[in-house]
Protein backbone atom coordinates (compact mmCIF):
# COMPACT_ATOMS: atom_id res chain seq x y z
CA MET A 1 0.00 0.00 0.00
CA GLN A 2 2.91 2.34 0.66
CA GLU A 3 3.95 2.35 -3.00
CA PHE A 4 0.42 3.47 -3.92
CA PHE A 5 1.23 6.82 -2.33
CA ASP A 6 4.76 6.88 -3.81
CA LEU A 7 4.82 9.52 -6.56
CA ASN A 8 8.03 8.06 -7.97
CA TYR A 9 6.23 4.76 -8.60
CA TRP A 10 3.54 6.40 -10.74
CA LYS A 11 6.14 8.55 -12.46
CA ASN A 12 8.02 5.39 -13.43
CA VAL A 13 4.83 3.66 -14.57
CA PHE A 14 4.03 6.37 -17.07
CA THR A 15 7.50 7.57 -18.16
CA SER A 16 10.03 4.73 -17.91
CA SER A 17 9.64 3.44 -21.49
CA PRO A 18 8.34 4.53 -24.92
CA THR A 19 5.24 2.37 -24.36
CA ARG A 20 4.49 4.08 -21.08
CA LYS A 21 5.14 7.49 -22.59
CA ARG A 22 2.47 6.63 -25.14
CA LEU A 23 0.21 5.68 -22.23
CA THR A 24 0.79 9.13 -20.76
CA GLU A 25 -0.04 10.83 -24.06
CA ASN A 26 -3.18 8.73 -24.45
CA PHE A 27 -4.21 9.35 -20.86
CA LEU A 28 -3.78 13.11 -21.22
CA SER A 29 -5.68 13.14 -24.52
CA LEU A 30 -8.58 11.20 -23.04
CA SER A 31 -8.46 13.32 -19.88
CA VAL A 32 -8.95 16.46 -21.97
CA LEU A 33 -11.84 14.74 -23.72
CA GLN A 34 -13.49 13.67 -20.48
CA VAL A 35 -13.05 17.10 -18.91
CA LEU A 36 -14.91 18.51 -21.91
CA ASN A 37 -17.49 15.72 -21.66
CA TYR A 38 -17.86 16.73 -18.03
CA LEU A 39 -17.86 20.50 -18.44
CA LEU A 40 -19.96 20.88 -21.60
CA PRO A 41 -22.96 18.97 -20.18
CA LEU A 42 -22.66 21.05 -17.04
CA ILE A 43 -22.93 24.10 -19.29
CA THR A 44 -25.83 22.87 -21.46
CA LEU A 45 -27.73 20.71 -18.94
CA PRO A 46 -28.77 23.55 -16.58
CA TYR A 47 -29.92 25.54 -19.62
CA LEU A 48 -31.82 22.66 -21.23
CA VAL A 49 -33.62 21.44 -18.11
CA ARG A 50 -34.85 24.97 -17.43
CA VAL A 51 -35.91 25.80 -21.01
CA LEU A 52 -37.52 22.45 -21.80
CA GLY A 53 -38.95 21.71 -18.34
CA PRO A 54 -39.18 18.21 -16.81
CA GLU A 55 -41.80 16.92 -19.31
CA LYS A 56 -40.04 17.74 -22.60
CA PHE A 57 -36.62 17.01 -21.15
CA GLY A 58 -38.01 13.64 -20.10
CA LEU A 59 -39.32 12.98 -23.62
CA VAL A 60 -35.89 13.73 -25.12
CA ALA A 61 -34.27 11.44 -22.52
CA PHE A 62 -36.80 8.67 -23.22
CA ALA A 63 -36.08 8.86 -26.98
CA GLN A 64 -32.34 8.71 -26.34
CA ALA A 65 -32.77 5.71 -24.02
CA PHE A 66 -34.68 3.87 -26.74
CA ILE A 67 -32.24 4.74 -29.54
CA MET A 68 -29.34 3.59 -27.36
CA TYR A 69 -30.57 0.02 -27.90
CA LEU A 70 -29.93 0.52 -31.61
CA VAL A 71 -26.53 2.10 -30.90
CA ILE A 72 -25.61 -1.00 -28.89
CA LEU A 73 -26.77 -3.22 -31.74
CA THR A 74 -24.52 -1.43 -34.25
CA ASP A 75 -21.61 -1.38 -31.79
CA TYR A 76 -21.80 -5.17 -31.51
CA GLY A 77 -18.99 -5.20 -28.96
CA PHE A 78 -16.46 -3.86 -31.48
CA ASN A 79 -15.28 -1.14 -29.10
CA LEU A 80 -13.51 -3.92 -27.20
CA SER A 81 -13.14 -6.87 -29.60
CA ALA A 82 -11.96 -4.79 -32.59
CA THR A 83 -9.79 -2.64 -30.29
CA ARG A 84 -8.05 -5.81 -29.16
CA GLU A 85 -7.48 -7.04 -32.75
CA ILE A 86 -6.22 -3.67 -33.97
CA SER A 87 -3.89 -3.43 -30.97
CA ILE A 88 -2.37 -6.87 -31.63
CA ASN A 89 -1.99 -6.35 -35.41
CA ARG A 90 -1.26 -2.64 -35.60
CA GLU A 91 2.21 -3.18 -37.11
CA SER A 92 0.63 -4.71 -40.24
CA LYS A 93 -1.11 -2.04 -42.32
CA GLU A 94 -2.69 -4.68 -44.56
CA LYS A 95 -4.15 -6.61 -41.63
CA VAL A 96 -5.43 -3.42 -39.99
CA SER A 97 -7.16 -2.42 -43.24
CA GLU A 98 -8.79 -5.85 -43.39
CA ILE A 99 -10.06 -5.56 -39.82
CA PHE A 100 -11.24 -1.98 -40.41
CA SER A 101 -13.14 -2.90 -43.58
CA SER A 102 -14.88 -5.94 -42.11
CA VAL A 103 -15.94 -4.12 -38.95
CA ILE A 104 -17.32 -1.12 -40.85
CA ALA A 105 -19.20 -3.43 -43.24
CA VAL A 106 -20.87 -5.25 -40.36
CA LYS A 107 -21.74 -1.96 -38.62
CA PHE A 108 -23.41 -0.56 -41.78
CA PHE A 109 -25.47 -3.73 -42.20
CA LEU A 110 -26.55 -3.53 -38.55
CA GLY A 111 -27.38 0.16 -39.10
CA ILE A 112 -29.81 -0.75 -41.89
CA LEU A 113 -31.37 -3.41 -39.67
CA SER A 114 -31.68 -0.83 -36.87
CA PHE A 115 -33.59 1.61 -39.08
CA ILE A 116 -35.99 -1.13 -40.16
CA ILE A 117 -36.65 -1.96 -36.51
CA LEU A 118 -37.23 1.72 -35.71
CA ALA A 119 -39.61 2.17 -38.67
CA MET A 120 -41.72 -0.84 -37.64
CA ILE A 121 -41.99 0.41 -34.05
CA LEU A 122 -43.02 3.89 -35.18
CA VAL A 123 -45.71 2.45 -37.44
CA PHE A 124 -47.20 -0.12 -35.07
CA ILE A 125 -46.80 1.37 -31.55
CA PRO A 126 -48.79 4.61 -30.96
CA LYS A 127 -46.70 5.77 -27.97
CA PHE A 128 -43.73 6.05 -30.32
CA GLY A 129 -45.62 6.97 -33.48
CA ASN A 130 -47.22 10.04 -31.86
CA ASP A 131 -43.75 11.60 -31.49
CA TRP A 132 -42.16 9.91 -34.51
CA LEU A 133 -40.05 12.91 -35.56
CA ILE A 134 -38.04 13.02 -32.33
CA TYR A 135 -37.08 9.35 -32.79
CA ILE A 136 -36.02 9.96 -36.40
CA PHE A 137 -33.85 12.89 -35.34
CA THR A 138 -32.38 10.90 -32.44
CA PHE A 139 -31.53 8.03 -34.83
CA GLY A 140 -28.69 10.22 -36.11
CA MET A 141 -26.78 9.03 -33.03
CA VAL A 142 -26.73 5.57 -34.63
CA LEU A 143 -25.31 6.95 -37.89
CA GLY A 144 -22.64 8.93 -36.05
CA ASN A 145 -21.71 5.88 -34.01
CA ILE A 146 -21.29 3.77 -37.16
CA LEU A 147 -19.06 6.37 -38.81
CA PHE A 148 -16.86 7.09 -35.79
CA PRO A 149 -14.33 4.20 -35.39
CA VAL A 150 -13.40 4.75 -31.73
CA TRP A 151 -12.22 1.13 -31.63
CA PHE A 152 -9.68 1.84 -34.40
CA PHE A 153 -8.04 4.81 -32.68
CA GLN A 154 -8.02 2.98 -29.33
CA GLY A 155 -6.41 -0.07 -30.90
CA MET A 156 -3.75 2.08 -32.55
CA GLU A 157 -3.32 3.85 -29.17
CA ARG A 158 -3.83 7.25 -30.79
CA MET A 159 -6.44 8.66 -28.45
CA LYS A 160 -5.70 12.26 -29.41
CA TYR A 161 -7.84 11.74 -32.52
CA ILE A 162 -10.77 10.64 -30.36
CA THR A 163 -10.25 13.78 -28.30
CA ILE A 164 -10.16 16.13 -31.27
CA LEU A 165 -13.17 14.60 -33.02
CA ASN A 166 -15.26 14.50 -29.86
CA ILE A 167 -14.41 18.13 -29.21
CA VAL A 168 -15.80 18.87 -32.67
CA ALA A 169 -19.01 16.92 -31.92
CA LYS A 170 -19.51 18.39 -28.45
CA GLY A 171 -18.57 21.86 -29.64
CA ILE A 172 -21.19 21.80 -32.40
CA PHE A 173 -23.81 20.57 -29.96
CA THR A 174 -23.00 23.14 -27.26
CA PHE A 175 -22.84 26.09 -29.66
CA CYS A 176 -26.08 25.19 -31.45
CA ILE A 177 -28.02 24.53 -28.23
CA PHE A 178 -27.63 28.15 -27.13
CA ILE A 179 -28.37 29.46 -30.63
CA PHE A 180 -31.43 27.40 -31.58
CA ILE A 181 -33.03 26.23 -28.31
CA ARG A 182 -34.89 29.22 -26.94
CA LYS A 183 -38.28 27.87 -25.83
CA MET A 184 -40.00 24.62 -24.87
CA ALA A 185 -41.30 24.09 -28.40
CA ASP A 186 -37.70 23.81 -29.64
CA TYR A 187 -37.23 20.43 -27.93
CA LEU A 188 -37.28 18.65 -31.32
CA TYR A 189 -34.04 20.34 -32.32
CA VAL A 190 -32.08 18.94 -29.34
CA PRO A 191 -31.66 15.39 -30.75
CA LEU A 192 -31.15 16.78 -34.26
CA ILE A 193 -28.28 19.00 -33.11
CA ASN A 194 -26.79 16.14 -31.10
CA SER A 195 -26.94 13.82 -34.10
CA MET A 196 -25.38 16.36 -36.45
CA GLY A 197 -22.38 16.76 -34.18
CA PHE A 198 -21.68 13.02 -34.13
CA ILE A 199 -22.21 12.59 -37.87
CA VAL A 200 -19.75 15.40 -38.68
CA ALA A 201 -17.16 13.92 -36.29
CA GLY A 202 -17.72 10.47 -37.80
CA GLY A 203 -17.20 11.73 -41.34
CA LEU A 204 -13.96 13.47 -40.35
CA SER A 205 -12.69 10.31 -38.65
CA PHE A 206 -12.90 8.36 -41.91
CA GLY A 207 -10.68 10.94 -43.60
CA ILE A 208 -8.13 10.75 -40.77
CA ALA A 209 -8.04 6.95 -40.86
CA SER A 210 -7.36 7.03 -44.58
CA LYS A 211 -4.91 9.94 -44.73
CA ASP A 212 -2.91 9.57 -41.51
CA PHE A 213 -2.94 5.78 -41.16
CA GLY A 214 -3.14 4.68 -44.77
CA ILE A 215 -6.30 2.65 -44.24
CA LYS A 216 -7.84 1.46 -47.48
CA PHE A 217 -11.40 0.22 -47.44
CA ARG A 218 -11.93 -3.00 -49.35
CA ILE A 219 -14.89 -5.31 -49.69
CA PRO A 220 -14.37 -7.84 -46.89
CA SER A 221 -14.61 -11.57 -47.36
CA ILE A 222 -17.42 -13.61 -45.83
CA GLN A 223 -14.80 -15.32 -43.67
CA ALA A 224 -13.55 -11.97 -42.32
CA ILE A 225 -17.09 -10.86 -41.50
CA LYS A 226 -17.84 -14.15 -39.74
CA HIS A 227 -14.64 -13.76 -37.75
CA GLN A 228 -15.59 -10.29 -36.52
CA LEU A 229 -19.10 -11.42 -35.63
CA ARG A 230 -17.69 -14.36 -33.70
CA GLU A 231 -15.06 -12.26 -31.87
CA GLY A 232 -17.53 -9.57 -30.86
CA TRP A 233 -20.40 -11.88 -29.86
CA HIS A 234 -19.68 -12.33 -26.14
CA ILE A 235 -18.83 -8.66 -25.70
CA PHE A 236 -22.00 -7.72 -27.60
CA ILE A 237 -24.05 -9.87 -25.25
CA SER A 238 -22.23 -8.29 -22.30
CA THR A 239 -22.87 -4.77 -23.62
CA ALA A 240 -26.51 -5.56 -24.36
CA ALA A 241 -26.84 -6.93 -20.83
CA ILE A 242 -25.26 -3.76 -19.44
CA SER A 243 -27.91 -1.74 -21.27
CA LEU A 244 -30.57 -3.68 -19.38
CA TYR A 245 -29.43 -1.88 -16.23
CA THR A 246 -28.31 1.47 -17.69
CA THR A 247 -30.44 2.85 -20.53
CA SER A 248 -33.35 0.53 -19.72
CA ASN A 249 -34.17 2.32 -16.48
CA ALA A 250 -35.27 5.55 -18.14
CA PHE A 251 -37.05 3.51 -20.81
CA ILE A 252 -38.99 1.34 -18.32
CA LEU A 253 -39.79 4.40 -16.21
CA GLY A 254 -41.26 6.08 -19.30
CA ILE A 255 -43.42 3.05 -20.05
CA PHE A 256 -44.93 2.91 -16.53
CA THR A 257 -45.06 6.60 -15.62
CA ASN A 258 -44.78 9.76 -17.74
CA ASN A 259 -42.21 12.05 -19.32
CA THR A 260 -42.07 14.33 -16.26
CA ILE A 261 -41.01 11.50 -13.94
CA VAL A 262 -38.46 10.40 -16.55
CA GLY A 263 -37.17 13.98 -16.51
CA TYR A 264 -36.59 13.89 -12.74
CA TYR A 265 -34.68 10.62 -12.95
CA SER A 266 -32.73 11.35 -16.15
CA ALA A 267 -31.55 14.79 -15.03
CA ALA A 268 -29.96 13.36 -11.86
CA GLU A 269 -28.64 10.32 -13.71
CA LYS A 270 -26.93 12.54 -16.29
CA LEU A 271 -25.05 14.27 -13.47
CA ILE A 272 -23.84 10.90 -12.19
CA ARG A 273 -22.89 9.73 -15.69
CA ALA A 274 -20.94 12.93 -16.25
CA VAL A 275 -18.91 12.30 -13.09
CA GLN A 276 -18.57 8.64 -14.06
CA GLY A 277 -17.10 9.76 -17.37
CA LEU A 278 -14.06 10.99 -15.50
CA LEU A 279 -13.08 7.31 -15.12
CA ALA A 280 -13.10 6.70 -18.87
CA PRO A 281 -9.58 8.06 -19.63
CA VAL A 282 -8.05 5.50 -17.28
CA SER A 283 -10.19 2.65 -18.60
CA GLN A 284 -9.71 3.43 -22.30
CA THR A 285 -6.00 4.08 -21.91
CA VAL A 286 -5.04 1.00 -19.94
CA TYR A 287 -7.27 -1.57 -21.67
CA PRO A 288 -5.12 -2.00 -24.82
CA TYR A 289 -1.99 -1.76 -22.65
CA ILE A 290 -3.16 -4.50 -20.26
CA THR A 291 -4.32 -6.60 -23.24
CA LYS A 292 -0.82 -6.52 -24.69
CA LEU A 293 0.81 -6.93 -21.26
CA VAL A 294 -1.16 -10.13 -20.55
CA THR A 295 0.30 -11.73 -23.70
CA GLU A 296 3.80 -10.93 -22.42
CA SER A 297 3.48 -11.59 -18.68
CA ARG A 298 0.31 -12.35 -16.74
CA GLU A 299 2.18 -11.63 -13.51
CA ARG A 300 3.14 -8.13 -14.62
CA ALA A 301 -0.38 -7.47 -15.89
CA LEU A 302 -1.89 -8.49 -12.57
CA ASN A 303 0.58 -6.34 -10.67
CA PHE A 304 -0.37 -3.34 -12.80
CA ILE A 305 -4.08 -4.02 -12.20
CA ARG A 306 -3.41 -4.22 -8.47
CA LYS A 307 -2.00 -0.70 -8.41
CA LEU A 308 -4.80 0.55 -10.62
CA VAL A 309 -7.58 -0.73 -8.38
CA LYS A 310 -6.14 1.07 -5.34
CA LEU A 311 -5.98 4.35 -7.23
CA ALA A 312 -9.51 3.99 -8.60
CA ALA A 313 -11.05 2.91 -5.29
CA THR A 314 -9.60 5.82 -3.32
CA SER A 315 -10.39 8.59 -5.80
CA THR A 316 -13.92 7.43 -6.69
CA PHE A 317 -14.93 6.87 -3.07
CA ILE A 318 -14.05 10.48 -2.20
CA ILE A 319 -16.00 11.75 -5.23
CA SER A 320 -19.05 9.61 -4.41
CA LEU A 321 -19.06 10.70 -0.77
CA LEU A 322 -19.02 14.37 -1.76
CA ILE A 323 -21.94 13.87 -4.18
CA PHE A 324 -23.98 12.16 -1.45
CA ILE A 325 -23.35 14.94 1.08
CA LEU A 326 -23.88 17.82 -1.38
CA ALA A 327 -26.81 16.34 -3.34
CA ALA A 328 -29.33 19.07 -2.46
CA PRO A 329 -27.17 22.10 -3.34
CA ILE A 330 -25.93 20.35 -6.51
CA ILE A 331 -29.52 19.83 -7.74
CA ASN A 332 -30.60 23.36 -6.81
CA ILE A 333 -27.63 24.99 -8.52
CA VAL A 334 -27.36 22.80 -11.62
CA LEU A 335 -30.97 21.81 -12.33
CA GLY A 336 -33.06 24.41 -10.55
CA SER A 337 -36.11 24.45 -8.28
CA GLN A 338 -38.29 22.43 -10.69
CA TYR A 339 -36.18 19.33 -9.99
CA GLN A 340 -36.44 18.97 -6.21
CA ARG A 341 -37.62 15.37 -6.71
CA SER A 342 -34.25 14.63 -8.33
CA ILE A 343 -32.38 15.10 -5.03
CA ILE A 344 -33.30 11.66 -3.70
CA VAL A 345 -32.26 10.11 -7.04
CA LEU A 346 -28.85 11.76 -6.86
CA ARG A 347 -28.34 10.54 -3.28
CA ILE A 348 -29.26 6.95 -4.17
CA LEU A 349 -26.96 6.95 -7.21
CA ALA A 350 -24.13 8.89 -5.53
CA PHE A 351 -21.89 5.87 -4.96
CA LEU A 352 -22.13 4.54 -8.52
CA PRO A 353 -18.78 6.10 -9.55
CA PHE A 354 -17.08 4.14 -6.74
CA ILE A 355 -18.94 0.88 -7.40
CA ILE A 356 -18.62 1.02 -11.20
CA GLY A 357 -14.98 2.05 -10.96
CA LEU A 358 -14.23 -1.22 -9.20
CA SER A 359 -16.43 -3.36 -11.46
CA ASN A 360 -14.72 -1.87 -14.54
CA ILE A 361 -11.34 -3.06 -13.28
CA PHE A 362 -12.60 -6.46 -12.12
CA GLY A 363 -14.61 -7.05 -15.29
CA ILE A 364 -13.24 -5.25 -18.35
CA GLN A 365 -9.62 -4.73 -17.34
CA THR A 366 -9.18 -8.18 -15.75
CA MET A 367 -11.79 -10.71 -16.86
CA LEU A 368 -11.74 -9.66 -20.53
CA THR A 369 -7.96 -9.31 -20.80
CA PHE A 370 -7.51 -12.69 -19.06
CA ASN A 371 -9.89 -14.21 -21.62
CA LEU A 372 -12.76 -14.84 -19.21
CA LYS A 373 -15.27 -13.37 -21.69
CA ARG A 374 -17.96 -16.02 -21.31
CA ALA A 375 -18.07 -15.74 -17.52
CA PHE A 376 -18.16 -11.94 -17.76
CA SER A 377 -21.06 -12.16 -20.21
CA ASN A 378 -22.95 -14.48 -17.87
CA ILE A 379 -22.51 -12.09 -14.94
CA LEU A 380 -23.79 -9.15 -16.96
CA ILE A 381 -26.72 -11.12 -18.35
CA SER A 382 -27.67 -12.06 -14.80
CA ALA A 383 -27.33 -8.42 -13.76
CA GLY A 384 -29.52 -7.33 -16.65
CA VAL A 385 -32.24 -9.80 -15.68
CA LEU A 386 -31.97 -8.65 -12.05
CA ASN A 387 -32.28 -4.99 -12.99
CA ILE A 388 -35.21 -5.50 -15.35
CA THR A 389 -37.02 -7.54 -12.68
CA LEU A 390 -36.41 -4.91 -9.99
CA ALA A 391 -37.29 -2.01 -12.29
CA LEU A 392 -40.53 -3.64 -13.44
CA ILE A 393 -41.52 -4.21 -9.81
CA LEU A 394 -40.31 -0.95 -8.28
CA SER A 395 -41.03 1.67 -10.97
CA PRO A 396 -44.86 1.34 -10.83
CA LEU A 397 -44.67 1.48 -7.02
CA TYR A 398 -41.97 4.04 -6.32
CA GLN A 399 -41.38 5.65 -9.74
CA HIS A 400 -38.00 7.43 -10.02
CA ILE A 401 -36.94 6.25 -6.56
CA GLY A 402 -37.71 2.67 -7.49
CA VAL A 403 -35.54 2.57 -10.62
CA SER A 404 -32.74 4.32 -8.73
CA ILE A 405 -32.75 1.54 -6.14
CA ALA A 406 -32.79 -1.02 -8.94
CA ALA A 407 -29.76 0.60 -10.60
CA LEU A 408 -27.75 0.76 -7.37
CA THR A 409 -28.57 -2.84 -6.39
CA THR A 410 -27.60 -4.13 -9.83
CA GLU A 411 -24.24 -2.35 -9.91
CA ILE A 412 -23.38 -3.75 -6.48
CA PHE A 413 -24.28 -7.22 -7.77
CA VAL A 414 -21.94 -6.83 -10.79
CA THR A 415 -19.01 -5.66 -8.67
CA LEU A 416 -19.35 -8.43 -6.10
CA SER A 417 -19.92 -11.10 -8.75
CA THR A 418 -16.83 -10.19 -10.78
CA PHE A 419 -14.71 -9.95 -7.63
CA PHE A 420 -15.74 -13.36 -6.28
CA TYR A 421 -15.41 -15.01 -9.70
CA LEU A 422 -11.80 -13.79 -9.96
CA LYS A 423 -11.21 -15.06 -6.45
CA LYS A 424 -12.69 -18.42 -7.45
CA LYS A 425 -10.28 -18.56 -10.42
CA ARG A 426 -7.46 -17.80 -7.97
CA ILE A 427 -6.74 -14.42 -9.53
CA GLU A 428 -6.05 -12.50 -6.34
CA ILE A 429 -5.97 -8.85 -7.32
CA PHE A 430 -5.43 -7.45 -3.85
CA ARG A 431 -2.62 -9.87 -3.02
CA GLY A 432 -1.05 -9.50 -6.45
CA LYS A 433 -0.72 -13.27 -6.94
CA LEU A 434 -1.75 -15.38 -9.89
CA ASN A 435 -2.00 -19.13 -9.36
């Protein structure tokens, strides 16, 4: 534990070799991105929740929660599986081009399937059809997600491109929100502006991949497509399961209650997710590094994870404690007096950054890199079923409070399950031993 507080140790971790210098560059790039992801919502969110009011803000949040299912479908786990393949083969330009082409081809096919699903829902389900335009505008998030190969830049460990392109997307969104959203009736433009930002960033990313990395798109073989589908399957199932206890809460709440209640829950949840986003630079930076490290020395990889978990646990616990204590003034200052019912939501969800910070290390950074994908998928599927069950029971009874309890309970389940599974496999993170 003493070395955890030793500044020289962390200096050596990030500066003692070219690889670790690249880690530092990637970490700083992603840190800039996450600071912007944190600050820009804090700029636009107080404005939006006041202009739109809880009802229209809730409708926008409900549409985004639904469209996120389609985003997950088009992602198909490639943000981890393709990242891993790009990372391993990044010295071969021909192989990288093959991986890039096959992944993009699959994502475009899944995008077409997603639009067909959306069209059928809008036609046959009145709750969605009555506000069909907002769902069409929100669908632009799917297009932007297809075009933006985050997995490619992560695999190449060139996170600065992710930073630059996301700044473009967030910048467009932030600027346009203050220009075009002036009254409640302008709520339709919020998802349209959001989608435009991601589509522009996605288009630019294709140009960068081609010009700076020499990527040439080619029609992929059936074998290459099957390979990518097979590699991403377990992660896709895991990601889909995660959505059952993340985006599904706002969606289920909207089915059983109304847009106003969704607004109370979603506003507080967005604050938590913004804080949670501060963890992403560490996660995205170290994942390809740990993946490569495991192939060289499982002992060294585990030792690195051991240091990481101590850092994450300490920092996120302090952040979560502060959110819990300061929940009321945070809601009053950021969201305003209309959102007093969001205070209890923020208090219930306050410790999610701490809990999810640990589960990210136990699950993604350890179980996936140690090739325990199937077990990780099973844990997340179980968590998804647990969350859906709790949300279906609690949301009609306790509304926004009920789904908040469901979310907290589920995240605790994931963290404990991943920890005890690693212990069962004799991967002792806290003792730093691998048997």
